[in-house]
Each structure stands twice: as C-alpha cells, then as structure tokens.
Amino acid sequence: MISVDALAVEFGGSALFSDVSFTINENDKIALMGKNGAGKSTMMKIIAGEQKPSRGQVRFPKDAVIAYLPQHLLTEDKCTVFEEASKAFAHIFEMRDEMERLNKELET
C-alpha cells in the first residue's frame, strides 16, 4: 500500500498543489490525470523519491518497488519501446540474473 498524506508542492510561494491525500492498495490500478502543468509529473517524482515535497509525506512498505518512467528521456535511437520501458526495471532483471547464476552454481 502506498499512502500519500497532505502532500503540498510550492514554487516561489505559489502552490502547485496542496493537501493531496490518497491511498493506493496492493491490487489497485490507477491513472493520474490532469491538465498540463497541474503537477502530475511532480507527483510521480515525489512518490518515486526523486523529489521532496514542500509538505506532507509518502509512505510505503520497505519491500515495495516503485518504478517511474520519466516523461522526457534521453533515449538511444536504436532501442525499442519495450527495451526503453524495461530500463525502469533494470534492478529486478539484475536480481533475476543473479538468482539464476547462483542456482546454476548450486547445481554444480
């Protein structure tokens, strides 16, 4: 479960958003929608831990995996969309590869 409590972001004294609270449960599927400049990307950066809010907090279990694919990427022209999106999960693929390596080592 991800819990967002009383989140606020201010730039130069102007509030981008304030007092935003919601909970995302384990099996929830959500969409974050809003007008340009409403703070959607900022909200995602805060949830992913890439940016600090002006006020409020985001809480989630220690074993939770938060993957965030930024809106604007420095991409390699030769990557497919799948390859580019997979980069958000690189650490999971690395763990899988390490587990496979260790399993093979145990078999010998």
C-alpha atoms as a PDB file:
ATOM      1  CA  MET A   1       0.000   0.000   0.000  1.00  0.00           C
ATOM      2  CA  ILE A   2       1.222   3.475  -0.869  1.00  0.00           C
ATOM      3  CA  SER A   3      -0.106   6.277   1.296  1.00  0.00           C
ATOM      4  CA  VAL A   4       0.150   9.944   0.317  1.00  0.00           C
ATOM      5  CA  ASP A   5      -0.693  12.275   3.206  1.00  0.00           C
ATOM      6  CA  ALA A   6      -1.278  16.049   2.999  1.00  0.00           C
ATOM      7  CA  LEU A   7       1.216  16.470   0.165  1.00  0.00           C
ATOM      8  CA  ALA A   8       1.954  20.011  -0.993  1.00  0.00           C
ATOM      9  CA  VAL A   9       4.388  21.485  -3.510  1.00  0.00           C
ATOM     10  CA  GLU A  10       5.149  25.178  -3.752  1.00  0.00           C
ATOM     11  CA  PHE A  11       7.380  27.043  -6.173  1.00  0.00           C
ATOM     12  CA  GLY A  12       8.295  30.623  -5.326  1.00  0.00           C
ATOM     13  CA  GLY A  13       5.417  30.961  -2.889  1.00  0.00           C
ATOM     14  CA  SER A  14       2.811  29.661  -5.368  1.00  0.00           C
ATOM     15  CA  ALA A  15       1.171  26.310  -4.676  1.00  0.00           C
ATOM     16  CA  LEU A  16       1.308  23.754  -7.480  1.00  0.00           C
ATOM     17  CA  PHE A  17      -0.948  21.551  -5.346  1.00  0.00           C
ATOM     18  CA  SER A  18      -1.726  21.326  -1.638  1.00  0.00           C
ATOM     19  CA  ASP A  19      -3.223  18.921   0.897  1.00  0.00           C
ATOM     20  CA  VAL A  20      -3.302  15.974  -1.532  1.00  0.00           C
ATOM     21  CA  SER A  21      -4.024  12.671   0.211  1.00  0.00           C
ATOM     22  CA  PHE A  22      -4.803   9.241  -1.192  1.00  0.00           C
ATOM     23  CA  THR A  23      -4.033   5.552  -0.736  1.00  0.00           C
ATOM     24  CA  ILE A  24      -3.114   3.018  -3.397  1.00  0.00           C
ATOM     25  CA  ASN A  25      -3.793  -0.553  -2.294  1.00  0.00           C
ATOM     26  CA  GLU A  26      -1.857  -3.594  -3.476  1.00  0.00           C
ATOM     27  CA  ASN A  27      -4.139  -4.648  -6.360  1.00  0.00           C
ATOM     28  CA  ASP A  28      -5.325  -1.181  -7.380  1.00  0.00           C
ATOM     29  CA  LYS A  29      -4.898   0.039 -10.925  1.00  0.00           C
ATOM     30  CA  ILE A  30      -4.802   3.810 -11.120  1.00  0.00           C
ATOM     31  CA  ALA A  31      -4.430   6.635 -13.605  1.00  0.00           C
ATOM     32  CA  LEU A  32      -3.040  10.060 -12.778  1.00  0.00           C
ATOM     33  CA  MET A  33      -4.781  12.591 -14.997  1.00  0.00           C
ATOM     34  CA  GLY A  34      -4.857  16.366 -15.156  1.00  0.00           C
ATOM     35  CA  LYS A  35      -4.200  19.447 -17.240  1.00  0.00           C
ATOM     36  CA  ASN A  36      -0.724  20.409 -18.422  1.00  0.00           C
ATOM     37  CA  GLY A  37       1.181  21.951 -15.533  1.00  0.00           C
ATOM     38  CA  ALA A  38      -1.152  20.527 -12.876  1.00  0.00           C
ATOM     39  CA  GLY A  39       1.687  18.626 -11.183  1.00  0.00           C
ATOM     40  CA  LYS A  40       1.291  15.044 -12.441  1.00  0.00           C
ATOM     41  CA  SER A  41       4.991  14.556 -13.179  1.00  0.00           C
ATOM     42  CA  THR A  42       5.931  16.286  -9.926  1.00  0.00           C
ATOM     43  CA  MET A  43       3.599  13.954  -8.010  1.00  0.00           C
ATOM     44  CA  MET A  44       5.204  10.899  -9.645  1.00  0.00           C
ATOM     45  CA  LYS A  45       8.707  12.186  -8.886  1.00  0.00           C
ATOM     46  CA  ILE A  46       7.746  12.608  -5.226  1.00  0.00           C
ATOM     47  CA  ILE A  47       6.227   9.122  -4.999  1.00  0.00           C
ATOM     48  CA  ALA A  48       9.335   7.656  -6.676  1.00  0.00           C
ATOM     49  CA  GLY A  49      11.561   9.527  -4.206  1.00  0.00           C
ATOM     50  CA  GLU A  50      13.202  11.701  -6.858  1.00  0.00           C
ATOM     51  CA  GLN A  51      11.848  14.971  -5.456  1.00  0.00           C
ATOM     52  CA  LYS A  52      10.918  16.194  -1.972  1.00  0.00           C
ATOM     53  CA  PRO A  53       7.517  17.782  -1.299  1.00  0.00           C
ATOM     54  CA  SER A  54       7.174  21.162   0.393  1.00  0.00           C
ATOM     55  CA  ARG A  55       4.942  19.470   2.977  1.00  0.00           C
ATOM     56  CA  GLY A  56       3.420  16.080   3.622  1.00  0.00           C
ATOM     57  CA  GLN A  57       4.741  12.576   3.230  1.00  0.00           C
ATOM     58  CA  VAL A  58       4.613   9.421   1.143  1.00  0.00           C
ATOM     59  CA  ARG A  59       4.692   6.070   2.942  1.00  0.00           C
ATOM     60  CA  PHE A  60       5.045   2.578   1.553  1.00  0.00           C
ATOM     61  CA  PRO A  61       6.375  -0.792   2.749  1.00  0.00           C
ATOM     62  CA  LYS A  62      10.142  -1.284   2.724  1.00  0.00           C
ATOM     63  CA  ASP A  63       9.814  -4.100   0.181  1.00  0.00           C
ATOM     64  CA  ALA A  64       7.671  -2.031  -2.219  1.00  0.00           C
ATOM     65  CA  VAL A  65       9.069  -1.413  -5.683  1.00  0.00           C
ATOM     66  CA  ILE A  66       8.264   1.989  -7.165  1.00  0.00           C
ATOM     67  CA  ALA A  67       9.095   2.200 -10.871  1.00  0.00           C
ATOM     68  CA  TYR A  68       8.765   5.503 -12.656  1.00  0.00           C
ATOM     69  CA  LEU A  69       9.467   6.129 -16.330  1.00  0.00           C
ATOM     70  CA  PRO A  70      10.087   9.876 -16.779  1.00  0.00           C
ATOM     71  CA  GLN A  71       8.097  11.817 -19.342  1.00  0.00           C
ATOM     72  CA  HIS A  72      11.202  13.045 -21.163  1.00  0.00           C
ATOM     73  CA  LEU A  73      14.050  10.618 -21.618  1.00  0.00           C
ATOM     74  CA  LEU A  74      17.462  10.760 -23.147  1.00  0.00           C
ATOM     75  CA  THR A  75      16.881   7.694 -25.261  1.00  0.00           C
ATOM     76  CA  GLU A  76      19.008   5.663 -27.571  1.00  0.00           C
ATOM     77  CA  ASP A  77      17.544   5.828 -31.058  1.00  0.00           C
ATOM     78  CA  LYS A  78      18.070   2.115 -31.600  1.00  0.00           C
ATOM     79  CA  CYS A  79      16.015   0.987 -28.573  1.00  0.00           C
ATOM     80  CA  THR A  80      12.517  -0.380 -28.966  1.00  0.00           C
ATOM     81  CA  VAL A  81       9.742   0.986 -26.746  1.00  0.00           C
ATOM     82  CA  PHE A  82       9.842  -2.288 -24.769  1.00  0.00           C
ATOM     83  CA  GLU A  83      13.616  -2.028 -24.269  1.00  0.00           C
ATOM     84  CA  GLU A  84      13.324   1.584 -23.113  1.00  0.00           C
ATOM     85  CA  ALA A  85      10.463   0.799 -20.699  1.00  0.00           C
ATOM     86  CA  SER A  86      12.376  -2.227 -19.365  1.00  0.00           C
ATOM     87  CA  LYS A  87      15.123   0.102 -18.139  1.00  0.00           C
ATOM     88  CA  ALA A  88      12.780   1.132 -15.307  1.00  0.00           C
ATOM     89  CA  PHE A  89      13.046  -2.458 -14.031  1.00  0.00           C
ATOM     90  CA  ALA A  90      16.783  -2.965 -14.584  1.00  0.00           C
ATOM     91  CA  HIS A  91      17.400  -3.749 -10.902  1.00  0.00           C
ATOM     92  CA  ILE A  92      14.792  -6.527 -10.997  1.00  0.00           C
ATOM     93  CA  PHE A  93      16.384  -8.071 -14.091  1.00  0.00           C
ATOM     94  CA  GLU A  94      19.788  -7.892 -12.391  1.00  0.00           C
ATOM     95  CA  MET A  95      18.411  -9.719  -9.339  1.00  0.00           C
ATOM     96  CA  ARG A  96      16.841 -12.374 -11.591  1.00  0.00           C
ATOM     97  CA  ASP A  97      20.141 -12.907 -13.410  1.00  0.00           C
ATOM     98  CA  GLU A  98      21.996 -13.173 -10.097  1.00  0.00           C
ATOM     99  CA  MET A  99      19.475 -15.745  -8.823  1.00  0.00           C
ATOM    100  CA  GLU A 100      19.898 -17.802 -11.999  1.00  0.00           C
ATOM    101  CA  ARG A 101      23.682 -17.637 -11.644  1.00  0.00           C
ATOM    102  CA  LEU A 102      23.509 -18.752  -8.010  1.00  0.00           C
ATOM    103  CA  ASN A 103      21.105 -21.599  -8.840  1.00  0.00           C
ATOM    104  CA  LYS A 104      23.485 -22.877 -11.516  1.00  0.00           C
ATOM    105  CA  GLU A 105      26.339 -22.656  -9.026  1.00  0.00           C
ATOM    106  CA  LEU A 106      24.347 -24.721  -6.511  1.00  0.00           C
ATOM    107  CA  GLU A 107      23.629 -27.376  -9.153  1.00  0.00           C
ATOM    108  CA  THR A 108      27.344 -27.996  -9.765  1.00  0.00           C
END
